[in-house]
Amino acid sequence: MPMQLRERLTWALLIVVVDAAAFAVPLAALLIAYVLLTRPAWFREWVGRLYDGGAR
């Protein structure tokens, strides 16, 4: 039984919406918020290595 045009268009629109929602999440902003709120030790060490010239 072939799909009707309306059903195919609905599926296509659903796929586009899910894809756009998945890639619209600002990952960098989430990471920055996490670092600002929790102040993890690994971030402080990483920044220290950056300013030391990576000599550790």
PDB file of N, CA and C in Angstrom:
ATOM      1  N   MET A   1       0.848  -1.180   0.000  1.00  0.00           N
ATOM      2  CA  MET A   1       0.000   0.000   0.000  1.00  0.00           C
ATOM      3  C   MET A   1       0.894   1.244   0.000  1.00  0.00           C
ATOM      4  N   PRO A   2       0.881   2.026  -1.057  1.00  0.00           N
ATOM      5  CA  PRO A   2       1.723   3.221  -1.136  1.00  0.00           C
ATOM      6  C   PRO A   2       1.220   4.328  -0.208  1.00  0.00           C
ATOM      7  N   MET A   3       2.164   5.138   0.252  1.00  0.00           N
ATOM      8  CA  MET A   3       1.810   6.269   1.118  1.00  0.00           C
ATOM      9  C   MET A   3       1.167   7.371   0.283  1.00  0.00           C
ATOM     10  N   GLN A   4       0.226   8.030   0.887  1.00  0.00           N
ATOM     11  CA  GLN A   4      -0.412   9.163   0.238  1.00  0.00           C
ATOM     12  C   GLN A   4       0.513  10.371   0.318  1.00  0.00           C
ATOM     13  N   LEU A   5       0.287  11.331  -0.535  1.00  0.00           N
ATOM     14  CA  LEU A   5       1.112  12.533  -0.576  1.00  0.00           C
ATOM     15  C   LEU A   5       1.078  13.261   0.771  1.00  0.00           C
ATOM     16  N   ARG A   6      -0.064  13.337   1.375  1.00  0.00           N
ATOM     17  CA  ARG A   6      -0.190  14.043   2.660  1.00  0.00           C
ATOM     18  C   ARG A   6       0.656  13.353   3.736  1.00  0.00           C
ATOM     19  N   GLU A   7       0.651  12.034   3.763  1.00  0.00           N
ATOM     20  CA  GLU A   7       1.439  11.291   4.741  1.00  0.00           C
ATOM     21  C   GLU A   7       2.938  11.479   4.496  1.00  0.00           C
ATOM     22  N   ARG A   8       3.344  11.457   3.253  1.00  0.00           N
ATOM     23  CA  ARG A   8       4.764  11.676   2.933  1.00  0.00           C
ATOM     24  C   ARG A   8       5.209  13.073   3.324  1.00  0.00           C
ATOM     25  N   LEU A   9       4.376  14.077   3.065  1.00  0.00           N
ATOM     26  CA  LEU A   9       4.714  15.448   3.438  1.00  0.00           C
ATOM     27  C   LEU A   9       4.778  15.598   4.961  1.00  0.00           C
ATOM     28  N   THR A  10       3.884  14.938   5.667  1.00  0.00           N
ATOM     29  CA  THR A  10       3.903  14.990   7.131  1.00  0.00           C
ATOM     30  C   THR A  10       5.191  14.395   7.668  1.00  0.00           C
ATOM     31  N   TRP A  11       5.591  13.230   7.152  1.00  0.00           N
ATOM     32  CA  TRP A  11       6.840  12.613   7.595  1.00  0.00           C
ATOM     33  C   TRP A  11       8.050  13.478   7.261  1.00  0.00           C
ATOM     34  N   ALA A  12       8.065  14.061   6.078  1.00  0.00           N
ATOM     35  CA  ALA A  12       9.177  14.915   5.677  1.00  0.00           C
ATOM     36  C   ALA A  12       9.278  16.136   6.587  1.00  0.00           C
ATOM     37  N   LEU A  13       8.148  16.756   6.900  1.00  0.00           N
ATOM     38  CA  LEU A  13       8.139  17.909   7.789  1.00  0.00           C
ATOM     39  C   LEU A  13       8.582  17.520   9.196  1.00  0.00           C
ATOM     40  N   LEU A  14       8.147  16.379   9.667  1.00  0.00           N
ATOM     41  CA  LEU A  14       8.542  15.900  10.985  1.00  0.00           C
ATOM     42  C   LEU A  14      10.052  15.675  11.055  1.00  0.00           C
ATOM     43  N   ILE A  15      10.619  15.085  10.029  1.00  0.00           N
ATOM     44  CA  ILE A  15      12.066  14.853   9.988  1.00  0.00           C
ATOM     45  C   ILE A  15      12.828  16.172   9.986  1.00  0.00           C
ATOM     46  N   VAL A  16      12.380  17.139   9.226  1.00  0.00           N
ATOM     47  CA  VAL A  16      13.039  18.441   9.174  1.00  0.00           C
ATOM     48  C   VAL A  16      12.958  19.140  10.527  1.00  0.00           C
ATOM     49  N   VAL A  17      11.822  19.080  11.191  1.00  0.00           N
ATOM     50  CA  VAL A  17      11.662  19.732  12.493  1.00  0.00           C
ATOM     51  C   VAL A  17      12.553  19.082  13.540  1.00  0.00           C
ATOM     52  N   VAL A  18      12.595  17.757  13.573  1.00  0.00           N
ATOM     53  CA  VAL A  18      13.448  17.051  14.540  1.00  0.00           C
ATOM     54  C   VAL A  18      14.915  17.358  14.277  1.00  0.00           C
ATOM     55  N   ASP A  19      15.310  17.367  13.020  1.00  0.00           N
ATOM     56  CA  ASP A  19      16.694  17.677  12.661  1.00  0.00           C
ATOM     57  C   ASP A  19      17.060  19.106  13.070  1.00  0.00           C
ATOM     58  N   ALA A  20      16.192  20.046  12.808  1.00  0.00           N
ATOM     59  CA  ALA A  20      16.465  21.443  13.170  1.00  0.00           C
ATOM     60  C   ALA A  20      16.532  21.609  14.682  1.00  0.00           C
ATOM     61  N   ALA A  21      15.671  20.930  15.409  1.00  0.00           N
ATOM     62  CA  ALA A  21      15.678  21.035  16.876  1.00  0.00           C
ATOM     63  C   ALA A  21      16.951  20.429  17.453  1.00  0.00           C
ATOM     64  N   ALA A  22      17.414  19.337  16.880  1.00  0.00           N
ATOM     65  CA  ALA A  22      18.605  18.664  17.399  1.00  0.00           C
ATOM     66  C   ALA A  22      19.858  19.507  17.186  1.00  0.00           C
ATOM     67  N   PHE A  23      19.942  20.205  16.081  1.00  0.00           N
ATOM     68  CA  PHE A  23      21.143  20.975  15.785  1.00  0.00           C
ATOM     69  C   PHE A  23      21.037  22.439  16.198  1.00  0.00           C
ATOM     70  N   ALA A  24      19.903  22.850  16.714  1.00  0.00           N
ATOM     71  CA  ALA A  24      19.735  24.236  17.136  1.00  0.00           C
ATOM     72  C   ALA A  24      20.137  24.441  18.596  1.00  0.00           C
ATOM     73  N   VAL A  25      20.453  23.354  19.287  1.00  0.00           N
ATOM     74  CA  VAL A  25      20.850  23.467  20.697  1.00  0.00           C
ATOM     75  C   VAL A  25      22.233  24.107  20.759  1.00  0.00           C
ATOM     76  N   PRO A  26      22.373  25.231  21.448  1.00  0.00           N
ATOM     77  CA  PRO A  26      23.668  25.914  21.522  1.00  0.00           C
ATOM     78  C   PRO A  26      24.610  25.198  22.501  1.00  0.00           C
ATOM     79  N   LEU A  27      25.392  24.267  21.984  1.00  0.00           N
ATOM     80  CA  LEU A  27      26.255  23.452  22.836  1.00  0.00           C
ATOM     81  C   LEU A  27      27.317  24.286  23.556  1.00  0.00           C
ATOM     82  N   ALA A  28      27.874  25.260  22.881  1.00  0.00           N
ATOM     83  CA  ALA A  28      28.892  26.099  23.524  1.00  0.00           C
ATOM     84  C   ALA A  28      28.296  26.885  24.689  1.00  0.00           C
ATOM     85  N   ALA A  29      27.098  27.393  24.523  1.00  0.00           N
ATOM     86  CA  ALA A  29      26.453  28.140  25.598  1.00  0.00           C
ATOM     87  C   ALA A  29      26.143  27.233  26.783  1.00  0.00           C
ATOM     88  N   LEU A  30      25.741  26.006  26.516  1.00  0.00           N
ATOM     89  CA  LEU A  30      25.489  25.059  27.607  1.00  0.00           C
ATOM     90  C   LEU A  30      26.775  24.731  28.356  1.00  0.00           C
ATOM     91  N   LEU A  31      27.874  24.558  27.629  1.00  0.00           N
ATOM     92  CA  LEU A  31      29.154  24.267  28.270  1.00  0.00           C
ATOM     93  C   LEU A  31      29.618  25.449  29.122  1.00  0.00           C
ATOM     94  N   ILE A  32      29.473  26.656  28.603  1.00  0.00           N
ATOM     95  CA  ILE A  32      29.876  27.848  29.360  1.00  0.00           C
ATOM     96  C   ILE A  32      29.029  27.994  30.627  1.00  0.00           C
ATOM     97  N   ALA A  33      27.736  27.755  30.515  1.00  0.00           N
ATOM     98  CA  ALA A  33      26.871  27.835  31.688  1.00  0.00           C
ATOM     99  C   ALA A  33      27.272  26.785  32.715  1.00  0.00           C
ATOM    100  N   TYR A  34      27.591  25.585  32.259  1.00  0.00           N
ATOM    101  CA  TYR A  34      28.025  24.520  33.171  1.00  0.00           C
ATOM    102  C   TYR A  34      29.307  24.923  33.898  1.00  0.00           C
ATOM    103  N   VAL A  35      30.266  25.456  33.157  1.00  0.00           N
ATOM    104  CA  VAL A  35      31.547  25.853  33.758  1.00  0.00           C
ATOM    105  C   VAL A  35      31.344  26.988  34.759  1.00  0.00           C
ATOM    106  N   LEU A  36      30.516  27.951  34.416  1.00  0.00           N
ATOM    107  CA  LEU A  36      30.275  29.070  35.329  1.00  0.00           C
ATOM    108  C   LEU A  36      29.556  28.639  36.601  1.00  0.00           C
ATOM    109  N   LEU A  37      28.651  27.698  36.481  1.00  0.00           N
ATOM    110  CA  LEU A  37      27.875  27.288  37.648  1.00  0.00           C
ATOM    111  C   LEU A  37      28.615  26.294  38.539  1.00  0.00           C
ATOM    112  N   THR A  38      29.356  25.358  37.950  1.00  0.00           N
ATOM    113  CA  THR A  38      29.966  24.298  38.760  1.00  0.00           C
ATOM    114  C   THR A  38      31.445  24.500  39.023  1.00  0.00           C
ATOM    115  N   ARG A  39      32.109  25.335  38.213  1.00  0.00           N
ATOM    116  CA  ARG A  39      33.542  25.601  38.341  1.00  0.00           C
ATOM    117  C   ARG A  39      34.359  24.318  38.526  1.00  0.00           C
ATOM    118  N   PRO A  40      34.323  23.446  37.512  1.00  0.00           N
ATOM    119  CA  PRO A  40      35.018  22.163  37.641  1.00  0.00           C
ATOM    120  C   PRO A  40      36.538  22.327  37.662  1.00  0.00           C
ATOM    121  N   ALA A  41      37.208  21.427  38.374  1.00  0.00           N
ATOM    122  CA  ALA A  41      38.664  21.489  38.506  1.00  0.00           C
ATOM    123  C   ALA A  41      39.360  21.287  37.163  1.00  0.00           C
ATOM    124  N   TRP A  42      38.804  20.424  36.322  1.00  0.00           N
ATOM    125  CA  TRP A  42      39.447  20.147  35.034  1.00  0.00           C
ATOM    126  C   TRP A  42      39.514  21.415  34.177  1.00  0.00           C
ATOM    127  N   PHE A  43      38.539  22.312  34.281  1.00  0.00           N
ATOM    128  CA  PHE A  43      38.553  23.536  33.483  1.00  0.00           C
ATOM    129  C   PHE A  43      39.643  24.485  33.975  1.00  0.00           C
ATOM    130  N   ARG A  44      39.767  24.602  35.293  1.00  0.00           N
ATOM    131  CA  ARG A  44      40.797  25.464  35.864  1.00  0.00           C
ATOM    132  C   ARG A  44      42.191  24.970  35.473  1.00  0.00           C
ATOM    133  N   GLU A  45      42.391  23.639  35.498  1.00  0.00           N
ATOM    134  CA  GLU A  45      43.681  23.074  35.084  1.00  0.00           C
ATOM    135  C   GLU A  45      43.944  23.315  33.600  1.00  0.00           C
ATOM    136  N   TRP A  46      42.909  23.195  32.791  1.00  0.00           N
ATOM    137  CA  TRP A  46      43.051  23.412  31.352  1.00  0.00           C
ATOM    138  C   TRP A  46      43.432  24.865  31.052  1.00  0.00           C
ATOM    139  N   VAL A  47      42.778  25.804  31.735  1.00  0.00           N
ATOM    140  CA  VAL A  47      43.108  27.223  31.553  1.00  0.00           C
ATOM    141  C   VAL A  47      44.541  27.491  32.027  1.00  0.00           C
ATOM    142  N   GLY A  48      44.938  26.872  33.127  1.00  0.00           N
ATOM    143  CA  GLY A  48      46.308  27.018  33.603  1.00  0.00           C
ATOM    144  C   GLY A  48      47.323  26.516  32.594  1.00  0.00           C
ATOM    145  N   ARG A  49      47.042  25.397  31.974  1.00  0.00           N
ATOM    146  CA  ARG A  49      47.949  24.866  30.938  1.00  0.00           C
ATOM    147  C   ARG A  49      48.002  25.790  29.733  1.00  0.00           C
ATOM    148  N   LEU A  50      46.870  26.404  29.375  1.00  0.00           N
ATOM    149  CA  LEU A  50      46.854  27.331  28.244  1.00  0.00           C
ATOM    150  C   LEU A  50      47.764  28.538  28.504  1.00  0.00           C
ATOM    151  N   TYR A  51      47.677  29.099  29.706  1.00  0.00           N
ATOM    152  CA  TYR A  51      48.458  30.286  30.031  1.00  0.00           C
ATOM    153  C   TYR A  51      49.913  29.968  30.334  1.00  0.00           C
ATOM    154  N   ASP A  52      50.211  28.715  30.707  1.00  0.00           N
ATOM    155  CA  ASP A  52      51.585  28.298  30.927  1.00  0.00           C
ATOM    156  C   ASP A  52      52.277  27.931  29.621  1.00  0.00           C
ATOM    157  N   GLY A  53      51.566  27.948  28.544  1.00  0.00           N
ATOM    158  CA  GLY A  53      52.124  27.552  27.258  1.00  0.00           C
ATOM    159  C   GLY A  53      52.117  26.062  27.043  1.00  0.00           C
ATOM    160  N   GLY A  54      51.334  25.346  27.799  1.00  0.00           N
ATOM    161  CA  GLY A  54      51.229  23.914  27.634  1.00  0.00           C
ATOM    162  C   GLY A  54      52.440  23.161  28.146  1.00  0.00           C
ATOM    163  N   ALA A  55      53.176  23.735  29.084  1.00  0.00           N
ATOM    164  CA  ALA A  55      54.437  23.168  29.550  1.00  0.00           C
ATOM    165  C   ALA A  55      54.235  22.110  30.647  1.00  0.00           C
ATOM    166  N   ARG A  56      53.032  21.726  30.950  1.00  0.00           N
ATOM    167  CA  ARG A  56      52.817  20.747  32.024  1.00  0.00           C
ATOM    168  C   ARG A  56      52.806  19.343  31.532  1.00  0.00           C
TER     169      ARG A  56
END
